[in-house]
């Protein structure tokens, strides 16, 4: 949705009088590598979190960027997926970031499937290795095996009324196998009440989820979520700051799914806010490394929306589980 808002800001420019000349599109660049730079940060304490590193990733490869979903594969490896249907697999260690591979998310899917590639969230079952992806444009949830093969998808009836540009934005599999999915749409343009669903199991195989509402702090919208070892949920938040160009601030909220009730309001405690001088951008992906105890390692990644003035940033934190 943010990508569409940014493009809308340039409508006047596109409609300005002038002569447009049709030119042949260049061949896709699928060979360029990824340049990784560790950013210097003076203050490594962000709210309740300790930051252990932040990196900027840059590439001219057409498969790179626009990452809106992130999931831990266990150990040091992560998988990021983009709203253009691409994926990036990388390792994040004390030494830094190393790229494992990048390509299409689902080898059978081609670039022609433009409406069916808007991945906004990922979640994973550590035991089976299965990965679920939420597609905003289709209000669709898809499950794949650990090799990203054998896709099985469903368009839940409970999400049918979610608008195409305000569909599933955040999703996580809870420790007991239930699923939470949160939509991006609100009842008002600047609202902080977001439609949400709680499935009793795998949404690809079960129906009739419990409906509730997620309440975020003022000005924030949810972009991703991940489960903690004690069953609580971390929710990544984003705030759009109007300007030329527009910029973003982010936050992290912790909430207890035991407090979810049918048609009720679910909210939590704000753990951290990311604003300048912290390197800010459109952080949309959140992942927590699976563990059975605290402290936990978590990572966030930003969506550059395919525009030059935004960046692909990857930050890693440690949290001891204590709220402020």
Protein backbone atom coordinates (compact mmCIF):
# COMPACT_ATOMS: atom_id res chain seq x y z
CA UNK A 1 0.00 0.00 0.00
CA UNK A 2 2.86 2.40 0.81
CA UNK A 3 4.25 1.84 -2.69
CA UNK A 4 0.93 2.97 -4.16
CA UNK A 5 0.80 6.07 -1.94
CA UNK A 6 4.29 7.07 -3.03
CA UNK A 7 3.47 6.58 -6.70
CA UNK A 8 0.33 8.66 -6.24
CA UNK A 9 2.48 11.57 -5.10
CA UNK A 10 4.04 11.66 -8.57
CA UNK A 11 0.76 11.65 -10.53
CA UNK A 12 0.93 15.39 -11.15
CA UNK A 13 4.41 14.98 -12.57
CA UNK A 14 3.28 12.21 -14.88
CA UNK A 15 0.32 14.28 -16.10
CA UNK A 16 2.40 17.35 -16.85
CA UNK A 17 2.40 18.50 -20.50
CA UNK A 18 5.19 17.08 -22.58
CA UNK A 19 6.16 14.68 -25.29
CA UNK A 20 6.66 11.04 -24.31
CA UNK A 21 8.86 8.85 -26.48
CA UNK A 22 8.46 5.10 -26.42
CA UNK A 23 11.78 3.39 -25.73
CA UNK A 24 12.67 -0.26 -25.58
CA UNK A 25 12.95 -1.61 -22.04
CA UNK A 26 16.42 -2.87 -21.09
CA UNK A 27 17.00 -6.56 -20.50
CA UNK A 28 16.52 -7.66 -16.87
CA UNK A 29 19.64 -7.45 -14.73
CA UNK A 30 19.86 -10.80 -12.96
CA UNK A 31 23.63 -10.94 -12.49
CA UNK A 32 24.51 -7.97 -10.27
CA UNK A 33 25.73 -8.79 -6.79
CA UNK A 34 24.71 -7.22 -3.48
CA UNK A 35 26.89 -4.63 -1.75
CA UNK A 36 26.66 -4.83 2.06
CA UNK A 37 27.77 -1.96 4.31
CA UNK A 38 27.69 -1.96 8.10
CA UNK A 39 26.37 1.38 9.36
CA UNK A 40 27.94 3.17 12.34
CA UNK A 41 25.48 3.86 15.16
CA UNK A 42 26.48 5.63 18.37
CA UNK A 43 23.57 4.65 20.62
CA UNK A 44 22.97 0.91 20.60
CA UNK A 45 20.11 0.97 23.12
CA UNK A 46 16.72 1.43 21.45
CA UNK A 47 13.93 1.40 24.00
CA UNK A 48 14.02 -2.03 25.67
CA UNK A 49 16.24 -3.47 22.91
CA UNK A 50 19.98 -3.78 22.44
CA UNK A 51 21.02 -3.32 18.82
CA UNK A 52 23.81 -5.67 17.73
CA UNK A 53 24.23 -4.44 14.17
CA UNK A 54 22.66 -2.63 11.23
CA UNK A 55 23.54 -2.94 7.55
CA UNK A 56 22.57 -1.31 4.26
CA UNK A 57 22.14 -3.59 1.24
CA UNK A 58 22.43 -2.18 -2.29
CA UNK A 59 22.10 -3.90 -5.66
CA UNK A 60 21.11 -3.17 -9.27
CA UNK A 61 19.84 -6.74 -9.61
CA UNK A 62 16.18 -6.75 -10.68
CA UNK A 63 15.45 -9.52 -8.17
CA UNK A 64 16.60 -7.34 -5.27
CA UNK A 65 14.63 -5.09 -2.92
CA UNK A 66 11.08 -4.30 -1.79
CA UNK A 67 11.26 -6.82 1.08
CA UNK A 68 8.04 -6.88 3.08
CA UNK A 69 8.18 -10.28 4.80
CA UNK A 70 10.93 -11.88 6.90
CA UNK A 71 11.22 -15.22 8.67
CA UNK A 72 13.99 -17.04 10.54
CA UNK A 73 15.02 -20.40 9.10
CA UNK A 74 16.71 -21.32 12.37
CA UNK A 75 20.30 -20.72 13.37
CA UNK A 76 21.79 -17.78 11.50
CA UNK A 77 19.72 -18.02 8.30
CA UNK A 78 16.77 -15.86 7.29
CA UNK A 79 14.40 -15.66 4.34
CA UNK A 80 13.01 -12.35 3.09
CA UNK A 81 10.22 -12.08 0.52
CA UNK A 82 9.21 -9.03 -1.48
CA UNK A 83 5.96 -7.53 -2.69
CA UNK A 84 7.30 -8.13 -6.20
CA UNK A 85 7.42 -11.90 -5.71
CA UNK A 86 11.14 -12.29 -5.12
CA UNK A 87 13.09 -13.74 -2.21
CA UNK A 88 16.47 -13.30 -0.54
CA UNK A 89 18.07 -15.93 1.66
CA UNK A 90 20.94 -14.75 3.86
CA UNK A 91 22.92 -15.52 7.00
CA UNK A 92 23.29 -13.03 9.82
CA UNK A 93 26.19 -13.75 12.17
CA UNK A 94 28.53 -11.80 14.43
CA UNK A 95 30.73 -11.29 11.38
CA UNK A 96 27.90 -9.64 9.46
CA UNK A 97 25.58 -10.44 6.57
CA UNK A 98 26.33 -13.04 3.92
CA UNK A 99 24.07 -13.80 0.96
CA UNK A 100 23.03 -17.41 0.38
CA UNK A 101 20.81 -16.98 -2.69
CA UNK A 102 18.17 -14.79 -4.30
CA UNK A 103 15.49 -15.49 -6.90
CA UNK A 104 11.76 -15.86 -7.38
CA UNK A 105 9.63 -16.93 -4.43
CA UNK A 106 8.35 -20.19 -5.90
CA UNK A 107 10.31 -21.30 -8.93
CA UNK A 108 7.14 -22.11 -10.87
CA UNK A 109 5.92 -18.49 -10.71
CA UNK A 110 6.99 -16.15 -13.49
CA UNK A 111 7.25 -12.34 -13.59
CA UNK A 112 3.99 -12.19 -15.56
CA UNK A 113 1.98 -12.99 -12.43
CA UNK A 114 2.04 -9.37 -11.27
CA UNK A 115 -1.18 -9.43 -9.26
CA UNK A 116 -0.27 -12.66 -7.48
CA UNK A 117 3.16 -11.70 -6.13
CA UNK A 118 2.44 -9.12 -3.41
CA UNK A 119 3.84 -11.01 -0.42
CA UNK A 120 3.48 -9.00 2.79
CA UNK A 121 4.18 -11.54 5.54
CA UNK A 122 5.89 -14.86 6.20
CA UNK A 123 5.69 -17.33 9.08
CA UNK A 124 7.16 -20.79 9.65
CA UNK A 125 6.70 -24.01 11.60
CA UNK A 126 10.14 -24.89 12.93
CA UNK A 127 9.34 -28.61 13.27
CA UNK A 128 8.15 -29.24 9.71
CA UNK A 129 9.93 -26.36 7.99
CA UNK A 130 6.68 -25.34 6.29
CA UNK A 131 6.40 -21.67 5.38
CA UNK A 132 3.20 -19.63 4.98
CA UNK A 133 3.01 -16.43 2.93
CA UNK A 134 0.25 -13.80 3.01
CA UNK A 135 -0.57 -12.05 -0.28
CA UNK A 136 -2.17 -8.64 0.12
CA UNK A 137 -3.53 -8.16 -3.41
CA UNK A 138 -5.44 -11.45 -3.43
CA UNK A 139 -6.32 -11.79 0.27
CA UNK A 140 -4.64 -15.18 -0.02
CA UNK A 141 -2.61 -17.38 2.31
CA UNK A 142 -0.23 -19.90 0.75
CA UNK A 143 1.69 -22.76 2.37
CA UNK A 144 4.87 -24.33 0.98
CA UNK A 145 7.26 -27.01 2.19
CA UNK A 146 10.75 -26.27 3.52
CA UNK A 147 12.08 -26.18 -0.05
CA UNK A 148 9.41 -23.65 -1.11
CA UNK A 149 7.75 -26.32 -3.24
CA UNK A 150 4.33 -28.02 -3.11
CA UNK A 151 2.25 -24.82 -2.84
CA UNK A 152 -1.26 -24.99 -1.39
CA UNK A 153 -3.32 -21.81 -1.08
CA UNK A 154 -6.67 -20.53 0.15
CA UNK A 155 -8.57 -17.24 -0.02
CA UNK A 156 -10.38 -17.27 3.34
CA UNK A 157 -13.99 -16.15 3.31
CA UNK A 158 -13.33 -14.13 6.48
CA UNK A 159 -10.87 -11.96 4.49
CA UNK A 160 -13.12 -11.51 1.45
CA UNK A 161 -14.18 -7.99 2.45
CA UNK A 162 -10.62 -6.77 3.03
CA UNK A 163 -9.85 -4.34 0.20
CA UNK A 164 -7.24 -5.32 -2.35
CA UNK A 165 -4.75 -2.69 -1.18
CA UNK A 166 -5.54 -3.27 2.50
CA UNK A 167 -5.37 -7.04 2.77
CA UNK A 168 -3.23 -9.25 5.04
CA UNK A 169 -0.20 -7.30 6.22
CA UNK A 170 1.08 -9.21 9.28
CA UNK A 171 0.89 -12.90 10.15
CA UNK A 172 2.40 -15.32 12.65
CA UNK A 173 2.03 -18.91 13.76
CA UNK A 174 1.67 -19.12 17.54
CA UNK A 175 3.49 -21.68 19.68
CA UNK A 176 0.30 -23.78 19.98
CA UNK A 177 -0.25 -23.90 16.20
CA UNK A 178 -2.89 -21.18 15.96
CA UNK A 179 -2.47 -18.35 13.42
CA UNK A 180 -2.98 -14.60 13.68
CA UNK A 181 -3.48 -12.52 10.52
CA UNK A 182 -3.88 -8.73 10.62
CA UNK A 183 -5.17 -6.61 7.74
CA UNK A 184 -3.77 -3.23 6.75
CA UNK A 185 -7.12 -1.49 6.32
CA UNK A 186 -8.77 0.62 9.02
CA UNK A 187 -12.23 2.06 9.53
CA UNK A 188 -10.84 5.55 8.90
CA UNK A 189 -7.95 7.01 6.89
CA UNK A 190 -5.88 7.76 9.99
CA UNK A 191 -7.32 5.10 12.30
CA UNK A 192 -5.39 2.75 14.56
CA UNK A 193 -7.95 -0.08 14.64
CA UNK A 194 -7.08 -2.95 12.30
CA UNK A 195 -9.12 -6.04 11.38
CA UNK A 196 -7.58 -9.27 12.63
CA UNK A 197 -8.35 -12.99 12.61
CA UNK A 198 -7.30 -15.84 14.90
CA UNK A 199 -7.39 -19.33 13.34
CA UNK A 200 -7.54 -22.44 15.55
CA UNK A 201 -4.97 -24.08 13.25
CA UNK A 202 -3.46 -23.86 9.78
CA UNK A 203 -5.63 -21.37 7.82
CA UNK A 204 -5.00 -23.34 4.63
CA UNK A 205 -6.81 -26.32 6.19
CA UNK A 206 -9.22 -24.73 8.69
CA UNK A 207 -11.92 -22.09 8.51
CA UNK A 208 -14.18 -20.08 10.82
CA UNK A 209 -11.51 -17.92 12.51
CA UNK A 210 -12.26 -15.70 15.47
CA UNK A 211 -12.53 -12.03 14.44
CA UNK A 212 -11.10 -9.22 16.59
CA UNK A 213 -9.45 -5.82 16.25
CA UNK A 214 -5.81 -4.86 16.76
CA UNK A 215 -5.30 -1.46 18.40
CA UNK A 216 -1.95 0.22 17.75
CA UNK A 217 -0.36 3.31 19.31
CA UNK A 218 -1.38 6.62 17.73
CA UNK A 219 -0.14 7.06 14.18
CA UNK A 220 1.22 3.53 13.81
CA UNK A 221 0.16 0.74 11.46
CA UNK A 222 1.18 -2.94 11.81
CA UNK A 223 3.59 -4.30 9.21
CA UNK A 224 4.69 -7.69 10.61
CA UNK A 225 4.66 -9.88 13.70
CA UNK A 226 6.57 -12.81 15.19
CA UNK A 227 6.07 -15.10 18.17
CA UNK A 228 8.23 -15.11 21.30
CA UNK A 229 9.28 -18.23 23.26
CA UNK A 230 6.78 -17.47 26.06
CA UNK A 231 3.89 -17.23 23.59
CA UNK A 232 3.66 -13.46 23.42
CA UNK A 233 3.81 -11.71 20.05
CA UNK A 234 6.10 -8.91 18.86
CA UNK A 235 4.41 -6.55 16.41
CA UNK A 236 6.40 -4.31 14.06
CA UNK A 237 4.80 -0.91 13.55
CA UNK A 238 5.28 1.85 10.98
CA UNK A 239 4.41 5.54 10.94
CA UNK A 240 4.38 7.63 7.76
CA UNK A 241 5.77 11.14 8.29
CA UNK A 242 4.52 13.50 5.59
CA UNK A 243 7.24 15.50 3.85
CA UNK A 244 9.21 15.83 0.62
CA UNK A 245 10.20 13.12 0.38
CA UNK A 246 7.99 11.27 2.86
CA UNK A 247 9.85 9.40 5.60
CA UNK A 248 9.09 6.70 8.11
CA UNK A 249 9.38 5.99 11.80
CA UNK A 250 8.90 2.55 13.33
CA UNK A 251 8.08 0.89 16.61
CA UNK A 252 7.87 -2.51 18.28
CA UNK A 253 4.93 -3.54 20.46
CA UNK A 254 4.55 -6.71 22.53
CA UNK A 255 1.09 -8.23 23.04
CA UNK A 256 -0.31 -11.36 24.71
CA UNK A 257 -2.60 -13.49 22.48
CA UNK A 258 -4.30 -14.85 25.61
CA UNK A 259 -6.03 -11.47 25.76
CA UNK A 260 -7.70 -11.91 22.35
CA UNK A 261 -11.49 -12.21 22.55
CA UNK A 262 -14.20 -12.53 19.90
CA UNK A 263 -14.98 -9.06 18.47
CA UNK A 264 -12.73 -7.59 21.16
CA UNK A 265 -9.88 -5.09 21.07
CA UNK A 266 -6.31 -6.44 21.33
CA UNK A 267 -3.39 -4.19 22.14
CA UNK A 268 -0.02 -4.30 23.85
CA UNK A 269 2.95 -2.39 25.26
CA UNK A 270 5.28 -0.27 23.14
CA UNK A 271 8.85 -1.55 23.59
CA UNK A 272 10.82 0.73 21.30
CA UNK A 273 10.46 3.53 18.77
CA UNK A 274 12.89 3.96 15.89
CA UNK A 275 13.41 7.59 14.90
CA UNK A 276 16.40 9.70 13.86
CA UNK A 277 19.29 9.55 14.52
CA UNK A 278 18.59 5.80 14.29
CA UNK A 279 18.75 4.82 10.58
CA UNK A 280 15.04 4.86 9.77
CA UNK A 281 13.18 3.64 6.72
CA UNK A 282 10.10 1.62 5.77
CA UNK A 283 10.69 -1.39 8.06
CA UNK A 284 8.16 -4.07 7.05
CA UNK A 285 9.71 -7.43 7.93
CA UNK A 286 10.28 -8.89 11.42
CA UNK A 287 11.73 -12.25 12.43
CA UNK A 288 12.73 -13.86 15.73
CA UNK A 289 15.30 -16.67 15.86
CA UNK A 290 13.52 -19.73 17.37
CA UNK A 291 14.55 -20.50 20.94
CA UNK A 292 12.91 -21.78 24.11
CA UNK A 293 14.16 -18.98 26.37
CA UNK A 294 15.17 -15.34 26.58
CA UNK A 295 17.12 -13.38 25.50
CA UNK A 296 15.96 -13.55 21.90
CA UNK A 297 17.61 -12.38 18.70
CA UNK A 298 15.36 -10.52 16.30
CA UNK A 299 15.85 -8.83 12.95
CA UNK A 300 13.92 -6.23 10.95
CA UNK A 301 14.24 -5.40 7.25
CA UNK A 302 12.99 -2.40 5.28
CA UNK A 303 11.07 -2.18 2.01
CA UNK A 304 12.65 0.37 -0.34
CA UNK A 305 9.49 0.47 -2.49
CA UNK A 306 11.70 0.50 -5.57
CA UNK A 307 12.51 4.22 -5.21
CA UNK A 308 15.95 5.79 -5.04
CA UNK A 309 15.52 7.82 -1.87
CA UNK A 310 14.63 4.77 0.24
CA UNK A 311 17.01 2.07 1.42
CA UNK A 312 17.13 -1.63 2.14
CA UNK A 313 18.22 -1.74 5.78
CA UNK A 314 18.68 -4.82 7.94
CA UNK A 315 18.97 -4.43 11.72
CA UNK A 316 19.55 -7.04 14.42
CA UNK A 317 18.62 -6.73 18.11
CA UNK A 318 18.64 -8.68 21.33
CA UNK A 319 15.85 -8.49 23.90
CA UNK A 320 15.68 -10.00 27.39
CA UNK A 321 11.88 -10.26 27.39
CA UNK A 322 11.24 -7.51 29.92
CA UNK A 323 8.84 -4.73 28.97
CA UNK A 324 9.56 -1.15 30.08
